[in-house]
């Protein structure tokens, strides 16, 4: 049981933007996807959730082609937080969280739905904003509300199969404290048997919270493995064009990356 991309390629016009690439997201893990701008990170996430069709290859959800799942059944297993979530209506924060319950039988109108929505707001530290209009919130608050909506969608595990949470730059608008809150919640979700794929720009956050890191460049998978295996000075220099020191702490298995300047261009 997993969410698996098998030999996928995504083409736009005559250009290939992603692949060929194979990658598996397994229950119980946080998989961070990192890479420079334009590396194909968001394209990979869009292919994983079915928003983009693969020109070559396929994505399997628990062994079944993703696009053959009925939409409601797929939504009970797969939740997505995009980079931007626009909402111009005057919904309250609680009403936005309840939107995540629409795939469920009660469609946001039952006591179980209310409990899930309120609990998701609680873990995102925004329950106190429940009655506030969504449009009155700051960017970081809106981002946490949208994540609460996706968590409410996946609050219960399905009767069969697993839950998969895909996050596209979930920390981009957040202050330092809430960046860690969001990724701590991602690890909690994984400990409960779910699986998380998170597109991240901060390599130190990826090192601290991810079980595995996938490095993309030019639409291809450069390296995949545990943070200590992947986050090496040579790989960071060749992928990101940045010279770094990688420091290991005795009380932590996660490496810590200290930038020291832009790397010289390849000869």
Protein backbone atom coordinates (compact mmCIF):
# COMPACT_ATOMS: atom_id res chain seq x y z
CA UNK A 1 0.00 0.00 0.00
CA UNK A 2 1.50 3.30 -1.08
CA UNK A 3 1.14 6.29 -3.37
CA UNK A 4 3.51 5.49 -6.19
CA UNK A 5 4.66 7.22 -9.36
CA UNK A 6 5.90 4.68 -11.88
CA UNK A 7 8.08 5.99 -14.67
CA UNK A 8 6.08 9.18 -15.02
CA UNK A 9 6.76 12.00 -17.46
CA UNK A 10 4.87 15.28 -17.75
CA UNK A 11 5.15 17.19 -21.03
CA UNK A 12 3.93 20.68 -21.80
CA UNK A 13 3.90 21.36 -25.50
CA UNK A 14 7.10 19.92 -26.88
CA UNK A 15 9.00 20.24 -23.63
CA UNK A 16 9.29 17.68 -20.86
CA UNK A 17 8.90 19.36 -17.45
CA UNK A 18 9.16 16.25 -15.29
CA UNK A 19 10.69 12.81 -15.54
CA UNK A 20 11.21 10.13 -16.32
CA UNK A 21 10.78 9.60 -12.60
CA UNK A 22 9.68 6.91 -10.16
CA UNK A 23 8.95 7.68 -6.52
CA UNK A 24 7.00 5.95 -3.78
CA UNK A 25 5.36 7.55 -0.74
CA UNK A 26 4.74 4.96 1.98
CA UNK A 27 2.56 5.11 5.11
CA UNK A 28 4.36 6.14 8.26
CA UNK A 29 6.80 8.54 6.62
CA UNK A 30 7.32 12.20 5.86
CA UNK A 31 8.94 12.58 2.45
CA UNK A 32 10.36 16.03 1.73
CA UNK A 33 10.81 17.14 -1.88
CA UNK A 34 13.46 19.83 -2.34
CA UNK A 35 15.18 21.48 -5.26
CA UNK A 36 15.85 24.86 -6.87
CA UNK A 37 13.15 26.98 -8.47
CA UNK A 38 11.80 25.32 -11.60
CA UNK A 39 13.05 21.88 -10.58
CA UNK A 40 9.60 20.30 -10.99
CA UNK A 41 8.57 20.02 -7.34
CA UNK A 42 5.05 21.41 -7.74
CA UNK A 43 4.62 19.52 -11.00
CA UNK A 44 5.47 16.29 -9.18
CA UNK A 45 2.93 17.04 -6.47
CA UNK A 46 0.28 17.87 -9.10
CA UNK A 47 0.96 14.55 -10.83
CA UNK A 48 0.78 12.69 -7.52
CA UNK A 49 -2.70 14.08 -6.79
CA UNK A 50 -4.06 13.72 -10.33
CA UNK A 51 -4.32 17.43 -11.06
CA UNK A 52 -1.88 16.94 -13.95
CA UNK A 53 -2.11 13.93 -16.24
CA UNK A 54 1.08 12.03 -16.85
CA UNK A 55 2.11 11.88 -20.51
CA UNK A 56 4.02 8.68 -19.79
CA UNK A 57 3.69 6.30 -16.83
CA UNK A 58 1.07 6.32 -14.09
CA UNK A 59 0.40 7.07 -10.44
CA UNK A 60 -1.00 4.28 -8.26
CA UNK A 61 -2.97 4.83 -5.05
CA UNK A 62 -2.85 1.71 -2.87
CA UNK A 63 -2.10 -0.40 -5.92
CA UNK A 64 -4.89 1.02 -8.12
CA UNK A 65 -4.43 3.65 -10.85
CA UNK A 66 -5.16 7.01 -9.27
CA UNK A 67 -7.46 8.19 -12.05
CA UNK A 68 -9.65 5.07 -11.71
CA UNK A 69 -10.64 5.91 -8.15
CA UNK A 70 -14.12 7.48 -7.81
CA UNK A 71 -13.56 11.13 -6.75
CA UNK A 72 -15.23 10.75 -3.36
CA UNK A 73 -13.31 7.60 -2.45
CA UNK A 74 -10.07 9.23 -3.55
CA UNK A 75 -10.81 12.32 -1.45
CA UNK A 76 -11.24 10.16 1.66
CA UNK A 77 -7.65 8.97 1.22
CA UNK A 78 -5.79 11.81 -0.50
CA UNK A 79 -5.69 15.44 0.65
CA UNK A 80 -3.77 18.28 -0.99
CA UNK A 81 -2.65 21.69 0.24
CA UNK A 82 -1.65 23.75 -2.82
CA UNK A 83 0.75 26.69 -2.74
CA UNK A 84 -2.14 29.15 -2.95
CA UNK A 85 -5.78 28.69 -1.99
CA UNK A 86 -8.00 31.57 -3.08
CA UNK A 87 -11.35 32.05 -1.38
CA UNK A 88 -13.27 35.28 -1.91
CA UNK A 89 -16.48 34.42 -0.07
CA UNK A 90 -17.22 35.59 3.46
CA UNK A 91 -16.93 32.18 5.11
CA UNK A 92 -15.90 31.99 8.72
CA UNK A 93 -12.78 30.06 9.67
CA UNK A 94 -14.92 27.21 11.02
CA UNK A 95 -16.95 27.06 7.81
CA UNK A 96 -13.76 26.77 5.76
CA UNK A 97 -12.57 23.88 7.95
CA UNK A 98 -15.96 22.20 7.53
CA UNK A 99 -15.53 22.31 3.75
CA UNK A 100 -12.97 19.56 4.24
CA UNK A 101 -15.77 17.27 5.38
CA UNK A 102 -17.65 17.42 2.07
CA UNK A 103 -16.38 14.00 0.84
CA UNK A 104 -17.86 12.34 3.92
CA UNK A 105 -21.38 10.94 4.12
CA UNK A 106 -22.64 13.74 6.36
CA UNK A 107 -21.02 16.41 4.15
CA UNK A 108 -20.13 18.75 7.00
CA UNK A 109 -23.48 18.68 8.76
CA UNK A 110 -22.98 16.08 11.50
CA UNK A 111 -21.52 16.20 14.98
CA UNK A 112 -18.55 14.09 13.86
CA UNK A 113 -17.80 16.68 11.18
CA UNK A 114 -17.93 19.51 13.71
CA UNK A 115 -15.60 17.63 16.07
CA UNK A 116 -13.12 16.97 13.25
CA UNK A 117 -13.20 20.59 12.06
CA UNK A 118 -12.73 22.01 15.55
CA UNK A 119 -9.96 19.52 16.33
CA UNK A 120 -8.12 20.41 13.12
CA UNK A 121 -8.35 24.10 13.99
CA UNK A 122 -7.04 23.30 17.45
CA UNK A 123 -3.93 21.51 16.20
CA UNK A 124 -3.24 24.42 13.84
CA UNK A 125 -3.50 26.88 16.77
CA UNK A 126 -6.43 28.81 15.23
CA UNK A 127 -9.52 27.53 17.04
CA UNK A 128 -9.80 30.94 18.69
CA UNK A 129 -10.37 32.38 15.21
CA UNK A 130 -13.34 30.09 14.45
CA UNK A 131 -15.88 32.89 14.06
CA UNK A 132 -13.59 35.29 12.20
CA UNK A 133 -14.20 35.90 8.46
CA UNK A 134 -11.56 34.05 6.47
CA UNK A 135 -10.93 37.13 4.31
CA UNK A 136 -9.92 39.16 7.39
CA UNK A 137 -6.98 36.91 8.24
CA UNK A 138 -3.28 37.36 7.56
CA UNK A 139 -1.54 35.23 4.95
CA UNK A 140 -0.06 32.91 7.54
CA UNK A 141 -3.39 32.48 9.32
CA UNK A 142 -5.10 31.67 6.01
CA UNK A 143 -2.47 29.06 5.27
CA UNK A 144 -3.11 27.35 8.60
CA UNK A 145 -6.88 27.45 8.02
CA UNK A 146 -6.43 25.75 4.66
CA UNK A 147 -4.25 23.08 6.23
CA UNK A 148 -6.89 22.60 8.94
CA UNK A 149 -9.44 22.07 6.14
CA UNK A 150 -7.29 19.32 4.60
CA UNK A 151 -6.68 17.72 7.99
CA UNK A 152 -10.43 17.71 8.66
CA UNK A 153 -10.89 15.95 5.31
CA UNK A 154 -8.48 13.19 6.34
CA UNK A 155 -9.26 13.18 10.08
CA UNK A 156 -10.36 9.53 10.16
CA UNK A 157 -8.51 6.70 8.46
CA UNK A 158 -10.59 4.98 5.75
CA UNK A 159 -11.94 1.50 6.41
CA UNK A 160 -9.49 0.14 3.85
CA UNK A 161 -6.22 1.64 2.68
CA UNK A 162 -4.27 4.60 3.99
CA UNK A 163 -4.30 8.41 4.12
CA UNK A 164 -1.93 10.55 2.05
CA UNK A 165 -1.28 14.23 2.72
CA UNK A 166 0.41 16.31 0.01
CA UNK A 167 1.71 19.73 1.04
CA UNK A 168 3.10 22.28 -1.43
CA UNK A 169 5.33 24.73 0.46
CA UNK A 170 3.23 24.54 3.65
CA UNK A 171 5.59 26.84 5.62
CA UNK A 172 6.02 29.61 3.03
CA UNK A 173 3.87 32.26 4.78
CA UNK A 174 4.41 31.17 8.36
CA UNK A 175 6.43 32.61 11.21
CA UNK A 176 9.17 30.50 12.76
CA UNK A 177 7.03 28.98 15.50
CA UNK A 178 4.21 27.96 13.18
CA UNK A 179 6.61 26.48 10.62
CA UNK A 180 7.57 23.95 13.27
CA UNK A 181 3.96 23.51 14.36
CA UNK A 182 2.92 22.52 10.84
CA UNK A 183 5.76 20.05 10.38
CA UNK A 184 5.26 18.59 13.84
CA UNK A 185 1.65 17.95 12.83
CA UNK A 186 2.92 16.31 9.63
CA UNK A 187 5.07 13.91 11.67
CA UNK A 188 2.12 13.19 14.00
CA UNK A 189 0.00 12.34 10.96
CA UNK A 190 2.72 9.94 9.78
CA UNK A 191 3.04 8.32 13.22
CA UNK A 192 -0.69 7.59 13.07
CA UNK A 193 -0.19 5.60 9.88
CA UNK A 194 -0.58 8.32 7.28
CA UNK A 195 1.96 9.41 4.69
CA UNK A 196 3.11 12.97 3.98
CA UNK A 197 4.81 14.46 0.96
CA UNK A 198 5.94 18.03 1.61
CA UNK A 199 7.56 20.37 -0.90
CA UNK A 200 10.00 22.47 1.14
CA UNK A 201 12.57 25.17 0.42
CA UNK A 202 14.25 25.19 3.84
CA UNK A 203 16.76 22.34 3.87
CA UNK A 204 17.14 22.49 7.65
CA UNK A 205 13.40 21.97 8.12
CA UNK A 206 13.56 19.07 5.67
CA UNK A 207 16.53 17.60 7.56
CA UNK A 208 14.79 17.85 10.90
CA UNK A 209 11.34 16.51 10.04
CA UNK A 210 11.63 14.26 6.98
CA UNK A 211 12.34 10.56 7.09
CA UNK A 212 13.52 10.72 3.47
CA UNK A 213 14.40 13.57 1.13
CA UNK A 214 13.94 13.57 -2.65
CA UNK A 215 16.14 16.10 -4.47
CA UNK A 216 14.90 17.31 -7.86
CA UNK A 217 16.71 19.29 -10.53
CA UNK A 218 15.59 20.00 -14.09
CA UNK A 219 12.59 17.72 -13.62
CA UNK A 220 14.65 14.69 -12.63
CA UNK A 221 15.25 12.89 -9.37
CA UNK A 222 18.87 13.62 -8.42
CA UNK A 223 18.99 11.74 -5.13
CA UNK A 224 16.69 10.02 -2.63
CA UNK A 225 17.49 8.89 0.88
CA UNK A 226 17.73 9.77 4.55
CA UNK A 227 18.67 13.41 5.35
CA UNK A 228 22.18 12.54 6.52
CA UNK A 229 22.82 10.62 3.28
CA UNK A 230 21.37 13.21 0.91
CA UNK A 231 22.31 16.61 2.35
CA UNK A 232 25.98 16.64 1.48
CA UNK A 233 28.00 19.77 0.61
CA UNK A 234 28.83 18.48 -2.88
CA UNK A 235 25.21 17.69 -3.75
CA UNK A 236 23.93 21.00 -2.39
CA UNK A 237 26.58 22.89 -4.36
CA UNK A 238 25.80 21.10 -7.63
CA UNK A 239 22.02 21.28 -7.18
CA UNK A 240 21.46 24.67 -5.56
CA UNK A 241 24.65 26.53 -6.50
CA UNK A 242 25.41 27.15 -2.83
CA UNK A 243 28.48 26.33 -0.80
CA UNK A 244 27.62 25.05 2.68
CA UNK A 245 29.00 23.44 5.79
CA UNK A 246 27.07 20.44 7.11
CA UNK A 247 27.30 20.14 10.89
CA UNK A 248 26.36 17.07 12.87
CA UNK A 249 25.11 17.36 16.43
CA UNK A 250 25.72 14.49 18.87
CA UNK A 251 22.16 14.61 20.24
CA UNK A 252 20.40 14.77 16.87
CA UNK A 253 20.50 12.50 13.82
CA UNK A 254 19.56 15.42 11.56
CA UNK A 255 22.38 17.40 9.91
CA UNK A 256 22.41 21.19 10.12
CA UNK A 257 23.31 23.21 7.05
CA UNK A 258 25.23 26.49 7.28
CA UNK A 259 25.51 28.48 4.03
CA UNK A 260 28.91 29.97 3.28
CA UNK A 261 28.33 31.58 -0.13
CA UNK A 262 27.32 30.92 -3.69
CA UNK A 263 29.14 28.10 -5.40
CA UNK A 264 31.21 28.95 -8.51
CA UNK A 265 29.55 27.96 -11.78
CA UNK A 266 30.63 24.58 -13.21
CA UNK A 267 33.58 24.73 -15.57
